[in-house]
Structure formats: structure tokens, C-alpha cells
PDB file of N, CA and C in Angstrom:
ATOM      1  N   MET A   1      19.593  -5.455  -2.244  1.00  0.00           N
ATOM      2  CA  MET A   1      19.168  -5.509  -0.858  1.00  0.00           C
ATOM      3  C   MET A   1      17.629  -5.597  -0.855  1.00  0.00           C
ATOM      4  N   LYS A   2      17.128  -6.416   0.006  1.00  0.00           N
ATOM      5  CA  LYS A   2      15.678  -6.618   0.164  1.00  0.00           C
ATOM      6  C   LYS A   2      15.161  -5.685   1.272  1.00  0.00           C
ATOM      7  N   ILE A   3      14.066  -4.971   0.991  1.00  0.00           N
ATOM      8  CA  ILE A   3      13.475  -4.081   1.986  1.00  0.00           C
ATOM      9  C   ILE A   3      12.247  -4.736   2.555  1.00  0.00           C
ATOM     10  N   ILE A   4      12.257  -4.974   3.880  1.00  0.00           N
ATOM     11  CA  ILE A   4      11.137  -5.578   4.584  1.00  0.00           C
ATOM     12  C   ILE A   4      10.701  -4.568   5.645  1.00  0.00           C
ATOM     13  N   THR A   5       9.441  -4.190   5.606  1.00  0.00           N
ATOM     14  CA  THR A   5       8.918  -3.273   6.603  1.00  0.00           C
ATOM     15  C   THR A   5       8.178  -4.083   7.689  1.00  0.00           C
ATOM     16  N   VAL A   6       8.301  -3.650   8.936  1.00  0.00           N
ATOM     17  CA  VAL A   6       7.798  -4.397  10.047  1.00  0.00           C
ATOM     18  C   VAL A   6       6.602  -3.682  10.688  1.00  0.00           C
ATOM     19  N   GLU A   7       5.646  -4.437  11.090  1.00  0.00           N
ATOM     20  CA  GLU A   7       4.420  -3.967  11.767  1.00  0.00           C
ATOM     21  C   GLU A   7       3.635  -2.989  10.908  1.00  0.00           C
ATOM     22  N   GLU A   8       3.477  -3.366   9.639  1.00  0.00           N
ATOM     23  CA  GLU A   8       2.607  -2.605   8.770  1.00  0.00           C
ATOM     24  C   GLU A   8       1.166  -2.961   9.097  1.00  0.00           C
ATOM     25  N   HIS A   9       0.296  -1.994   9.059  1.00  0.00           N
ATOM     26  CA  HIS A   9      -1.083  -2.245   9.485  1.00  0.00           C
ATOM     27  C   HIS A   9      -1.975  -2.807   8.387  1.00  0.00           C
ATOM     28  N   PHE A  10      -2.768  -3.760   8.783  1.00  0.00           N
ATOM     29  CA  PHE A  10      -3.818  -4.334   7.989  1.00  0.00           C
ATOM     30  C   PHE A  10      -5.107  -4.087   8.749  1.00  0.00           C
ATOM     31  N   GLU A  11      -6.194  -3.796   8.031  1.00  0.00           N
ATOM     32  CA  GLU A  11      -7.491  -3.685   8.667  1.00  0.00           C
ATOM     33  C   GLU A  11      -8.524  -4.346   7.758  1.00  0.00           C
ATOM     34  N   SER A  12      -9.504  -4.901   8.391  1.00  0.00           N
ATOM     35  CA  SER A  12     -10.611  -5.546   7.663  1.00  0.00           C
ATOM     36  C   SER A  12     -11.816  -4.608   7.694  1.00  0.00           C
ATOM     37  N   ALA A  13     -12.372  -4.362   6.508  1.00  0.00           N
ATOM     38  CA  ALA A  13     -13.581  -3.523   6.454  1.00  0.00           C
ATOM     39  C   ALA A  13     -14.715  -4.168   7.259  1.00  0.00           C
ATOM     40  N   LYS A  14     -14.851  -5.474   7.159  1.00  0.00           N
ATOM     41  CA  LYS A  14     -15.896  -6.188   7.890  1.00  0.00           C
ATOM     42  C   LYS A  14     -15.691  -6.101   9.394  1.00  0.00           C
ATOM     43  N   ILE A  15     -14.465  -6.320   9.843  1.00  0.00           N
ATOM     44  CA  ILE A  15     -14.167  -6.283  11.281  1.00  0.00           C
ATOM     45  C   ILE A  15     -14.331  -4.839  11.785  1.00  0.00           C
ATOM     46  N   THR A  16     -13.858  -3.855  11.036  1.00  0.00           N
ATOM     47  CA  THR A  16     -14.033  -2.452  11.433  1.00  0.00           C
ATOM     48  C   THR A  16     -15.506  -2.128  11.613  1.00  0.00           C
ATOM     49  N   GLN A  17     -16.321  -2.579  10.694  1.00  0.00           N
ATOM     50  CA  GLN A  17     -17.786  -2.367  10.833  1.00  0.00           C
ATOM     51  C   GLN A  17     -18.333  -3.021  12.078  1.00  0.00           C
ATOM     52  N   GLU A  18     -17.879  -4.223  12.384  1.00  0.00           N
ATOM     53  CA  GLU A  18     -18.359  -4.912  13.577  1.00  0.00           C
ATOM     54  C   GLU A  18     -17.832  -4.257  14.878  1.00  0.00           C
ATOM     55  N   ILE A  19     -16.624  -3.730  14.810  1.00  0.00           N
ATOM     56  CA  ILE A  19     -16.109  -2.974  15.977  1.00  0.00           C
ATOM     57  C   ILE A  19     -16.952  -1.723  16.199  1.00  0.00           C
ATOM     58  N   ASN A  20     -17.251  -0.987  15.107  1.00  0.00           N
ATOM     59  CA  ASN A  20     -18.050   0.213  15.227  1.00  0.00           C
ATOM     60  C   ASN A  20     -19.419  -0.110  15.799  1.00  0.00           C
ATOM     61  N   GLN A  21     -20.007  -1.229  15.417  1.00  0.00           N
ATOM     62  CA  GLN A  21     -21.320  -1.619  15.961  1.00  0.00           C
ATOM     63  C   GLN A  21     -21.179  -1.954  17.443  1.00  0.00           C
ATOM     64  N   ALA A  22     -20.086  -2.611  17.807  1.00  0.00           N
ATOM     65  CA  ALA A  22     -19.898  -3.019  19.193  1.00  0.00           C
ATOM     66  C   ALA A  22     -19.709  -1.848  20.147  1.00  0.00           C
ATOM     67  N   VAL A  23     -18.993  -0.794  19.647  1.00  0.00           N
ATOM     68  CA  VAL A  23     -18.719   0.375  20.513  1.00  0.00           C
ATOM     69  C   VAL A  23     -19.711   1.501  20.262  1.00  0.00           C
ATOM     70  N   GLY A  24     -20.543   1.359  19.235  1.00  0.00           N
ATOM     71  CA  GLY A  24     -21.569   2.371  18.978  1.00  0.00           C
ATOM     72  C   GLY A  24     -21.114   3.595  18.193  1.00  0.00           C
ATOM     73  N   LYS A  25     -19.864   3.584  17.701  1.00  0.00           N
ATOM     74  CA  LYS A  25     -19.361   4.708  16.941  1.00  0.00           C
ATOM     75  C   LYS A  25     -18.085   4.262  16.236  1.00  0.00           C
ATOM     76  N   ALA A  26     -17.651   5.038  15.306  1.00  0.00           N
ATOM     77  CA  ALA A  26     -16.374   4.769  14.643  1.00  0.00           C
ATOM     78  C   ALA A  26     -15.247   4.880  15.649  1.00  0.00           C
ATOM     79  N   ALA A  27     -14.368   3.896  15.672  1.00  0.00           N
ATOM     80  CA  ALA A  27     -13.252   3.867  16.627  1.00  0.00           C
ATOM     81  C   ALA A  27     -12.103   4.687  16.023  1.00  0.00           C
ATOM     82  N   MET A  28     -11.933   5.886  16.516  1.00  0.00           N
ATOM     83  CA  MET A  28     -10.854   6.758  16.059  1.00  0.00           C
ATOM     84  C   MET A  28      -9.858   6.979  17.188  1.00  0.00           C
ATOM     85  N   PRO A  29      -8.582   6.866  16.933  1.00  0.00           N
ATOM     86  CA  PRO A  29      -7.597   7.129  17.981  1.00  0.00           C
ATOM     87  C   PRO A  29      -7.615   8.594  18.375  1.00  0.00           C
ATOM     88  N   ASN A  30      -7.294   8.850  19.640  1.00  0.00           N
ATOM     89  CA  ASN A  30      -7.194  10.223  20.107  1.00  0.00           C
ATOM     90  C   ASN A  30      -5.777  10.719  19.854  1.00  0.00           C
ATOM     91  N   VAL A  31      -5.607  11.537  18.796  1.00  0.00           N
ATOM     92  CA  VAL A  31      -4.291  11.990  18.399  1.00  0.00           C
ATOM     93  C   VAL A  31      -4.261  13.496  18.259  1.00  0.00           C
ATOM     94  N   SER A  32      -3.076  14.041  18.277  1.00  0.00           N
ATOM     95  CA  SER A  32      -2.899  15.480  18.099  1.00  0.00           C
ATOM     96  C   SER A  32      -3.239  15.903  16.686  1.00  0.00           C
ATOM     97  N   LYS A  33      -3.420  17.202  16.520  1.00  0.00           N
ATOM     98  CA  LYS A  33      -3.713  17.765  15.178  1.00  0.00           C
ATOM     99  C   LYS A  33      -2.560  17.450  14.189  1.00  0.00           C
ATOM    100  N   GLU A  34      -1.349  17.517  14.668  1.00  0.00           N
ATOM    101  CA  GLU A  34      -0.204  17.248  13.850  1.00  0.00           C
ATOM    102  C   GLU A  34      -0.148  15.791  13.422  1.00  0.00           C
ATOM    103  N   MET A  35      -0.421  14.887  14.371  1.00  0.00           N
ATOM    104  CA  MET A  35      -0.446  13.466  14.047  1.00  0.00           C
ATOM    105  C   MET A  35      -1.565  13.144  13.080  1.00  0.00           C
ATOM    106  N   LEU A  36      -2.704  13.748  13.236  1.00  0.00           N
ATOM    107  CA  LEU A  36      -3.832  13.527  12.317  1.00  0.00           C
ATOM    108  C   LEU A  36      -3.453  13.962  10.912  1.00  0.00           C
ATOM    109  N   HIS A  37      -2.801  15.104  10.819  1.00  0.00           N
ATOM    110  CA  HIS A  37      -2.336  15.587   9.509  1.00  0.00           C
ATOM    111  C   HIS A  37      -1.352  14.584   8.888  1.00  0.00           C
ATOM    112  N   TYR A  38      -0.439  14.137   9.671  1.00  0.00           N
ATOM    113  CA  TYR A  38       0.542  13.129   9.203  1.00  0.00           C
ATOM    114  C   TYR A  38      -0.182  11.863   8.734  1.00  0.00           C
ATOM    115  N   MET A  39      -1.133  11.390   9.533  1.00  0.00           N
ATOM    116  CA  MET A  39      -1.876  10.188   9.180  1.00  0.00           C
ATOM    117  C   MET A  39      -2.642  10.355   7.840  1.00  0.00           C
ATOM    118  N   GLN A  40      -3.194  11.534   7.663  1.00  0.00           N
ATOM    119  CA  GLN A  40      -4.006  11.781   6.468  1.00  0.00           C
ATOM    120  C   GLN A  40      -3.156  12.032   5.212  1.00  0.00           C
ATOM    121  N   THR A  41      -1.966  12.530   5.364  1.00  0.00           N
ATOM    122  CA  THR A  41      -1.169  12.880   4.211  1.00  0.00           C
ATOM    123  C   THR A  41      -0.036  11.922   3.865  1.00  0.00           C
ATOM    124  N   THR A  42       0.360  11.077   4.825  1.00  0.00           N
ATOM    125  CA  THR A  42       1.533  10.258   4.605  1.00  0.00           C
ATOM    126  C   THR A  42       1.250   8.759   4.667  1.00  0.00           C
ATOM    127  N   LEU A  43       0.377   8.367   5.559  1.00  0.00           N
ATOM    128  CA  LEU A  43       0.131   6.927   5.751  1.00  0.00           C
ATOM    129  C   LEU A  43      -0.780   6.369   4.673  1.00  0.00           C
ATOM    130  N   PRO A  44      -0.716   5.045   4.494  1.00  0.00           N
ATOM    131  CA  PRO A  44      -1.625   4.440   3.509  1.00  0.00           C
ATOM    132  C   PRO A  44      -3.095   4.729   3.815  1.00  0.00           C
ATOM    133  N   THR A  45      -3.882   4.829   2.780  1.00  0.00           N
ATOM    134  CA  THR A  45      -5.319   5.069   2.946  1.00  0.00           C
ATOM    135  C   THR A  45      -6.007   3.831   3.547  1.00  0.00           C
ATOM    136  N   PRO A  46      -7.210   4.002   4.061  1.00  0.00           N
ATOM    137  CA  PRO A  46      -7.941   2.806   4.557  1.00  0.00           C
ATOM    138  C   PRO A  46      -8.087   1.730   3.466  1.00  0.00           C
ATOM    139  N   GLU A  47      -8.242   2.154   2.207  1.00  0.00           N
ATOM    140  CA  GLU A  47      -8.360   1.200   1.119  1.00  0.00           C
ATOM    141  C   GLU A  47      -7.111   0.362   0.983  1.00  0.00           C
ATOM    142  N   ILE A  48      -5.965   0.979   1.139  1.00  0.00           N
ATOM    143  CA  ILE A  48      -4.686   0.246   1.058  1.00  0.00           C
ATOM    144  C   ILE A  48      -4.572  -0.676   2.280  1.00  0.00           C
ATOM    145  N   MET A  49      -4.952  -0.181   3.423  1.00  0.00           N
ATOM    146  CA  MET A  49      -4.848  -0.991   4.650  1.00  0.00           C
ATOM    147  C   MET A  49      -5.806  -2.207   4.617  1.00  0.00           C
ATOM    148  N   GLN A  50      -6.902  -2.067   3.902  1.00  0.00           N
ATOM    149  CA  GLN A  50      -7.893  -3.138   3.839  1.00  0.00           C
ATOM    150  C   GLN A  50      -7.634  -4.114   2.690  1.00  0.00           C
ATOM    151  N   ASP A  51      -6.658  -3.804   1.868  1.00  0.00           N
ATOM    152  CA  ASP A  51      -6.353  -4.652   0.741  1.00  0.00           C
ATOM    153  C   ASP A  51      -4.944  -5.212   0.849  1.00  0.00           C
ATOM    154  N   VAL A  52      -4.812  -6.506   0.737  1.00  0.00           N
ATOM    155  CA  VAL A  52      -3.462  -7.083   0.811  1.00  0.00           C
ATOM    156  C   VAL A  52      -2.993  -7.546  -0.543  1.00  0.00           C
ATOM    157  N   THR A  53      -3.677  -7.151  -1.604  1.00  0.00           N
ATOM    158  CA  THR A  53      -3.269  -7.552  -2.928  1.00  0.00           C
ATOM    159  C   THR A  53      -2.987  -6.302  -3.782  1.00  0.00           C
ATOM    160  N   LYS A  54      -3.926  -5.901  -4.570  1.00  0.00           N
ATOM    161  CA  LYS A  54      -3.723  -4.870  -5.578  1.00  0.00           C
ATOM    162  C   LYS A  54      -3.222  -3.536  -5.006  1.00  0.00           C
ATOM    163  N   GLU A  55      -4.005  -2.879  -4.146  1.00  0.00           N
ATOM    164  CA  GLU A  55      -3.683  -1.552  -3.624  1.00  0.00           C
ATOM    165  C   GLU A  55      -2.385  -1.576  -2.790  1.00  0.00           C
ATOM    166  N   ARG A  56      -2.281  -2.581  -1.932  1.00  0.00           N
ATOM    167  CA  ARG A  56      -1.082  -2.644  -1.061  1.00  0.00           C
ATOM    168  C   ARG A  56       0.174  -2.950  -1.872  1.00  0.00           C
ATOM    169  N   ILE A  57       0.050  -3.830  -2.841  1.00  0.00           N
ATOM    170  CA  ILE A  57       1.214  -4.166  -3.675  1.00  0.00           C
ATOM    171  C   ILE A  57       1.666  -2.937  -4.469  1.00  0.00           C
ATOM    172  N   ALA A  58       0.713  -2.197  -4.997  1.00  0.00           N
ATOM    173  CA  ALA A  58       1.054  -0.968  -5.703  1.00  0.00           C
ATOM    174  C   ALA A  58       1.766   0.011  -4.777  1.00  0.00           C
ATOM    175  N   PHE A  59       1.282   0.166  -3.528  1.00  0.00           N
ATOM    176  CA  PHE A  59       1.936   1.050  -2.541  1.00  0.00           C
ATOM    177  C   PHE A  59       3.356   0.548  -2.275  1.00  0.00           C
ATOM    178  N   MET A  60       3.503  -0.755  -2.105  1.00  0.00           N
ATOM    179  CA  MET A  60       4.805  -1.347  -1.833  1.00  0.00           C
ATOM    180  C   MET A  60       5.746  -1.106  -3.016  1.00  0.00           C
ATOM    181  N   ASP A  61       5.242  -1.305  -4.223  1.00  0.00           N
ATOM    182  CA  ASP A  61       6.064  -1.092  -5.424  1.00  0.00           C
ATOM    183  C   ASP A  61       6.502   0.384  -5.498  1.00  0.00           C
ATOM    184  N   LYS A  62       5.570   1.291  -5.218  1.00  0.00           N
ATOM    185  CA  LYS A  62       5.895   2.743  -5.279  1.00  0.00           C
ATOM    186  C   LYS A  62       7.074   3.079  -4.365  1.00  0.00           C
ATOM    187  N   TYR A  63       7.126   2.448  -3.174  1.00  0.00           N
ATOM    188  CA  TYR A  63       8.182   2.762  -2.223  1.00  0.00           C
ATOM    189  C   TYR A  63       9.272   1.704  -2.180  1.00  0.00           C
ATOM    190  N   GLU A  64       9.294   0.806  -3.169  1.00  0.00           N
ATOM    191  CA  GLU A  64      10.306  -0.235  -3.326  1.00  0.00           C
ATOM    192  C   GLU A  64      10.413  -1.130  -2.096  1.00  0.00           C
ATOM    193  N   ILE A  65       9.261  -1.495  -1.563  1.00  0.00           N
ATOM    194  CA  ILE A  65       9.175  -2.429  -0.424  1.00  0.00           C
ATOM    195  C   ILE A  65       8.998  -3.832  -0.984  1.00  0.00           C
ATOM    196  N   ASP A  66       9.857  -4.755  -0.538  1.00  0.00           N
ATOM    197  CA  ASP A  66       9.788  -6.128  -1.031  1.00  0.00           C
ATOM    198  C   ASP A  66       8.807  -6.990  -0.248  1.00  0.00           C
ATOM    199  N   GLN A  67       8.710  -6.771   1.034  1.00  0.00           N
ATOM    200  CA  GLN A  67       7.853  -7.598   1.866  1.00  0.00           C
ATOM    201  C   GLN A  67       7.457  -6.793   3.089  1.00  0.00           C
ATOM    202  N   GLN A  68       6.271  -7.125   3.621  1.00  0.00           N
ATOM    203  CA  GLN A  68       5.802  -6.469   4.831  1.00  0.00           C
ATOM    204  C   GLN A  68       5.381  -7.538   5.854  1.00  0.00           C
ATOM    205  N   ILE A  69       5.606  -7.208   7.120  1.00  0.00           N
ATOM    206  CA  ILE A  69       5.098  -8.035   8.218  1.00  0.00           C
ATOM    207  C   ILE A  69       3.894  -7.283   8.725  1.00  0.00           C
ATOM    208  N   LEU A  70       2.720  -7.907   8.624  1.00  0.00           N
ATOM    209  CA  LEU A  70       1.488  -7.213   8.954  1.00  0.00           C
ATOM    210  C   LEU A  70       1.007  -7.472  10.382  1.00  0.00           C
ATOM    211  N   SER A  71       0.407  -6.441  10.924  1.00  0.00           N
ATOM    212  CA  SER A  71      -0.301  -6.579  12.228  1.00  0.00           C
ATOM    213  C   SER A  71      -1.548  -5.763  12.083  1.00  0.00           C
ATOM    214  N   TYR A  72      -2.516  -6.029  12.951  1.00  0.00           N
ATOM    215  CA  TYR A  72      -3.780  -5.306  12.829  1.00  0.00           C
ATOM    216  C   TYR A  72      -3.623  -3.837  13.170  1.00  0.00           C
ATOM    217  N   GLY A  73      -4.394  -2.982  12.510  1.00  0.00           N
ATOM    218  CA  GLY A  73      -4.316  -1.520  12.702  1.00  0.00           C
ATOM    219  C   GLY A  73      -4.747  -1.032  14.060  1.00  0.00           C
ATOM    220  N   ASN A  74      -4.779   0.277  14.179  1.00  0.00           N
ATOM    221  CA  ASN A  74      -5.061   0.925  15.471  1.00  0.00           C
ATOM    222  C   ASN A  74      -6.416   0.555  16.060  1.00  0.00           C
ATOM    223  N   SER A  75      -7.413   0.363  15.236  1.00  0.00           N
ATOM    224  CA  SER A  75      -8.706   0.015  15.784  1.00  0.00           C
ATOM    225  C   SER A  75      -8.859  -1.494  15.859  1.00  0.00           C
ATOM    226  N   SER A  76      -7.928  -2.099  16.557  1.00  0.00           N
ATOM    227  CA  SER A  76      -7.873  -3.560  16.674  1.00  0.00           C
ATOM    228  C   SER A  76      -8.984  -4.101  17.561  1.00  0.00           C
ATOM    229  N   PRO A  77      -9.566  -5.227  17.193  1.00  0.00           N
ATOM    230  CA  PRO A  77     -10.625  -5.803  18.016  1.00  0.00           C
ATOM    231  C   PRO A  77     -10.087  -6.301  19.385  1.00  0.00           C
ATOM    232  N   GLN A  78      -8.766  -6.448  19.505  1.00  0.00           N
ATOM    233  CA  GLN A  78      -8.209  -6.894  20.779  1.00  0.00           C
ATOM    234  C   GLN A  78      -8.483  -5.934  21.934  1.00  0.00           C
ATOM    235  N   ASN A  79      -8.842  -4.678  21.587  1.00  0.00           N
ATOM    236  CA  ASN A  79      -9.077  -3.682  22.593  1.00  0.00           C
ATOM    237  C   ASN A  79     -10.505  -3.724  23.155  1.00  0.00           C
ATOM    238  N   LEU A  80     -11.346  -4.589  22.615  1.00  0.00           N
ATOM    239  CA  LEU A  80     -12.728  -4.688  23.073  1.00  0.00           C
ATOM    240  C   LEU A  80     -12.866  -5.681  24.208  1.00  0.00           C
ATOM    241  N   ASP A  81     -14.087  -5.729  24.731  1.00  0.00           N
ATOM    242  CA  ASP A  81     -14.394  -6.732  25.760  1.00  0.00           C
ATOM    243  C   ASP A  81     -14.090  -8.127  25.204  1.00  0.00           C
ATOM    244  N   PRO A  82     -13.422  -8.983  25.983  1.00  0.00           N
ATOM    245  CA  PRO A  82     -13.057 -10.300  25.483  1.00  0.00           C
ATOM    246  C   PRO A  82     -14.209 -11.131  24.902  1.00  0.00           C
ATOM    247  N   LYS A  83     -15.433 -10.880  25.358  1.00  0.00           N
ATOM    248  CA  LYS A  83     -16.578 -11.591  24.836  1.00  0.00           C
ATOM    249  C   LYS A  83     -16.749 -11.310  23.332  1.00  0.00           C
ATOM    250  N   VAL A  84     -16.358 -10.118  22.899  1.00  0.00           N
ATOM    251  CA  VAL A  84     -16.479  -9.725  21.495  1.00  0.00           C
ATOM    252  C   VAL A  84     -15.101  -9.872  20.819  1.00  0.00           C
ATOM    253  N   ALA A  85     -14.069  -9.529  21.520  1.00  0.00           N
ATOM    254  CA  ALA A  85     -12.725  -9.466  20.948  1.00  0.00           C
ATOM    255  C   ALA A  85     -12.212 -10.795  20.401  1.00  0.00           C
ATOM    256  N   VAL A  86     -12.422 -11.859  21.115  1.00  0.00           N
ATOM    257  CA  VAL A  86     -11.853 -13.148  20.716  1.00  0.00           C
ATOM    258  C   VAL A  86     -12.384 -13.561  19.342  1.00  0.00           C
ATOM    259  N   LYS A  87     -13.712 -13.502  19.159  1.00  0.00           N
ATOM    260  CA  LYS A  87     -14.265 -13.872  17.868  1.00  0.00           C
ATOM    261  C   LYS A  87     -13.808 -12.973  16.736  1.00  0.00           C
ATOM    262  N   LEU A  88     -13.787 -11.672  17.003  1.00  0.00           N
ATOM    263  CA  LEU A  88     -13.366 -10.708  15.949  1.00  0.00           C
ATOM    264  C   LEU A  88     -11.878 -10.890  15.604  1.00  0.00           C
ATOM    265  N   CYS A  89     -11.043 -11.172  16.595  1.00  0.00           N
ATOM    266  CA  CYS A  89      -9.625 -11.417  16.313  1.00  0.00           C
ATOM    267  C   CYS A  89      -9.477 -12.682  15.492  1.00  0.00           C
ATOM    268  N   GLN A  90     -10.230 -13.722  15.831  1.00  0.00           N
ATOM    269  CA  GLN A  90     -10.178 -14.955  15.016  1.00  0.00           C
ATOM    270  C   GLN A  90     -10.661 -14.698  13.595  1.00  0.00           C
ATOM    271  N   ASP A  91     -11.753 -13.957  13.470  1.00  0.00           N
ATOM    272  CA  ASP A  91     -12.274 -13.624  12.142  1.00  0.00           C
ATOM    273  C   ASP A  91     -11.264 -12.813  11.305  1.00  0.00           C
ATOM    274  N   ALA A  92     -10.586 -11.866  11.944  1.00  0.00           N
ATOM    275  CA  ALA A  92      -9.590 -11.060  11.244  1.00  0.00           C
ATOM    276  C   ALA A  92      -8.439 -11.939  10.770  1.00  0.00           C
ATOM    277  N   ASN A  93      -7.951 -12.825  11.649  1.00  0.00           N
ATOM    278  CA  ASN A  93      -6.878 -13.728  11.275  1.00  0.00           C
ATOM    279  C   ASN A  93      -7.305 -14.658  10.159  1.00  0.00           C
ATOM    280  N   ASP A  94      -8.530 -15.178  10.233  1.00  0.00           N
ATOM    281  CA  ASP A  94      -9.046 -16.066   9.221  1.00  0.00           C
ATOM    282  C   ASP A  94      -9.142 -15.342   7.846  1.00  0.00           C
ATOM    283  N   GLU A  95      -9.636 -14.092   7.872  1.00  0.00           N
ATOM    284  CA  GLU A  95      -9.780 -13.335   6.632  1.00  0.00           C
ATOM    285  C   GLU A  95      -8.430 -13.129   5.989  1.00  0.00           C
ATOM    286  N   LEU A  96      -7.413 -12.774   6.783  1.00  0.00           N
ATOM    287  CA  LEU A  96      -6.094 -12.547   6.228  1.00  0.00           C
ATOM    288  C   LEU A  96      -5.469 -13.868   5.770  1.00  0.00           C
ATOM    289  N   ALA A  97      -5.685 -14.941   6.505  1.00  0.00           N
ATOM    290  CA  ALA A  97      -5.163 -16.246   6.114  1.00  0.00           C
ATOM    291  C   ALA A  97      -5.726 -16.682   4.757  1.00  0.00           C
ATOM    292  N   ARG A  98      -7.013 -16.414   4.513  1.00  0.00           N
ATOM    293  CA  ARG A  98      -7.626 -16.754   3.213  1.00  0.00           C
ATOM    294  C   ARG A  98      -6.963 -15.937   2.094  1.00  0.00           C
ATOM    295  N   ALA A  99      -6.708 -14.679   2.356  1.00  0.00           N
ATOM    296  CA  ALA A  99      -6.053 -13.850   1.350  1.00  0.00           C
ATOM    297  C   ALA A  99      -4.656 -14.327   1.053  1.00  0.00           C
ATOM    298  N   ILE A 100      -3.922 -14.715   2.051  1.00  0.00           N
ATOM    299  CA  ILE A 100      -2.565 -15.211   1.876  1.00  0.00           C
ATOM    300  C   ILE A 100      -2.583 -16.540   1.151  1.00  0.00           C
ATOM    301  N   LYS A 101      -3.531 -17.367   1.458  1.00  0.00           N
ATOM    302  CA  LYS A 101      -3.644 -18.678   0.800  1.00  0.00           C
ATOM    303  C   LYS A 101      -3.838 -18.536  -0.709  1.00  0.00           C
ATOM    304  N   THR A 102      -4.566 -17.497  -1.158  1.00  0.00           N
ATOM    305  CA  THR A 102      -4.803 -17.312  -2.572  1.00  0.00           C
ATOM    306  C   THR A 102      -3.563 -16.805  -3.285  1.00  0.00           C
ATOM    307  N   ASN A 103      -2.649 -16.185  -2.540  1.00  0.00           N
ATOM    308  CA  ASN A 103      -1.390 -15.710  -3.098  1.00  0.00           C
ATOM    309  C   ASN A 103      -0.316 -15.794  -2.027  1.00  0.00           C
ATOM    310  N   PRO A 104       0.340 -16.950  -1.923  1.00  0.00           N
ATOM    311  CA  PRO A 104       1.291 -17.148  -0.834  1.00  0.00           C
ATOM    312  C   PRO A 104       2.521 -16.246  -0.884  1.00  0.00           C
ATOM    313  N   THR A 105       2.704 -15.470  -1.933  1.00  0.00           N
ATOM    314  CA  THR A 105       3.838 -14.583  -2.002  1.00  0.00           C
ATOM    315  C   THR A 105       3.558 -13.242  -1.326  1.00  0.00           C
ATOM    316  N   ILE A 106       2.330 -12.974  -0.907  1.00  0.00           N
ATOM    317  CA  ILE A 106       2.045 -11.732  -0.179  1.00  0.00           C
ATOM    318  C   ILE A 106       2.527 -11.919   1.251  1.00  0.00           C
ATOM    319  N   PRO A 107       2.677 -10.855   2.026  1.00  0.00           N
ATOM    320  CA  PRO A 107       3.330 -10.922   3.328  1.00  0.00           C
ATOM    321  C   PRO A 107       2.590 -11.804   4.331  1.00  0.00           C
ATOM    322  N   LEU A 108       3.384 -12.321   5.231  1.00  0.00           N
ATOM    323  CA  LEU A 108       2.803 -13.035   6.374  1.00  0.00           C
ATOM    324  C   LEU A 108       2.266 -12.042   7.363  1.00  0.00           C
ATOM    325  N   ALA A 109       1.350 -12.487   8.238  1.00  0.00           N
ATOM    326  CA  ALA A 109       0.711 -11.518   9.122  1.00  0.00           C
ATOM    327  C   ALA A 109       0.506 -12.113  10.494  1.00  0.00           C
ATOM    328  N   SER A 110       0.260 -11.211  11.428  1.00  0.00           N
ATOM    329  CA  SER A 110      -0.124 -11.609  12.770  1.00  0.00           C
ATOM    330  C   SER A 110      -1.054 -10.561  13.329  1.00  0.00           C
ATOM    331  N   LEU A 111      -1.935 -10.987  14.194  1.00  0.00           N
ATOM    332  CA  LEU A 111      -2.794 -10.073  14.919  1.00  0.00           C
ATOM    333  C   LEU A 111      -2.262  -9.953  16.304  1.00  0.00           C
ATOM    334  N   ASP A 112      -1.841  -8.780  16.679  1.00  0.00           N
ATOM    335  CA  ASP A 112      -1.247  -8.598  18.051  1.00  0.00           C
ATOM    336  C   ASP A 112      -2.224  -9.001  19.112  1.00  0.00           C
TER     337      ASP A 112
END
């Protein structure tokens, strides 16, 4: 049986940095203490989320995941003013498309 996980998060270090510059601070979701603990202890690290090759593949192998459908993480540029968001969303899609082009067997992705 093939295991495919849906809506796994991808984030770009470059786009995250640009988002932080646009909003003037690191974009952190407003979550409960329990959710923050879960995020810190269970979810993939930012390094895994920013990598679609080595770190992510190792994470997938560890949990026997065959394929992932990617979408942009919680600090998505789509939540910004459209004057900034459109370019950053395009840049994020382009970055991921380049990564997929170098290894077409890695997961397909979409930016919500």
C-alpha cells in the first residue's frame, strides 16, 4: 500500500525572510500553549519544511511516507497585502518548481 500525505507544509527561507520584512516581525501563528508544544515536539522542523530533498525525504522515510502533496505553511505570503502577496506567492511557486524540476520524483506542490 502506498502512503500519500495531503497538505504537508513547505516553506521557503527566502520567502519567510521577505514576509518578516514586510510585516516588520516574525510571522508566528497565535496558538495555545498545548498547540505550541505539539508543534515543537511533533511536527517537522523548519529545516525539514524548507527542504524538499534531503531532510524531507529522510522524514518521509522515517514515517514510511511514499509521497506528499505540498502546500505553503502557516506563514503564507497569501495572507499579506496583495501588492506584496502576489509576487511572493509567484516566487514561492517558482522556487518549489525549480526544486521539483531537478528531481521530478519528489512530491508535487501547490500554493493555496
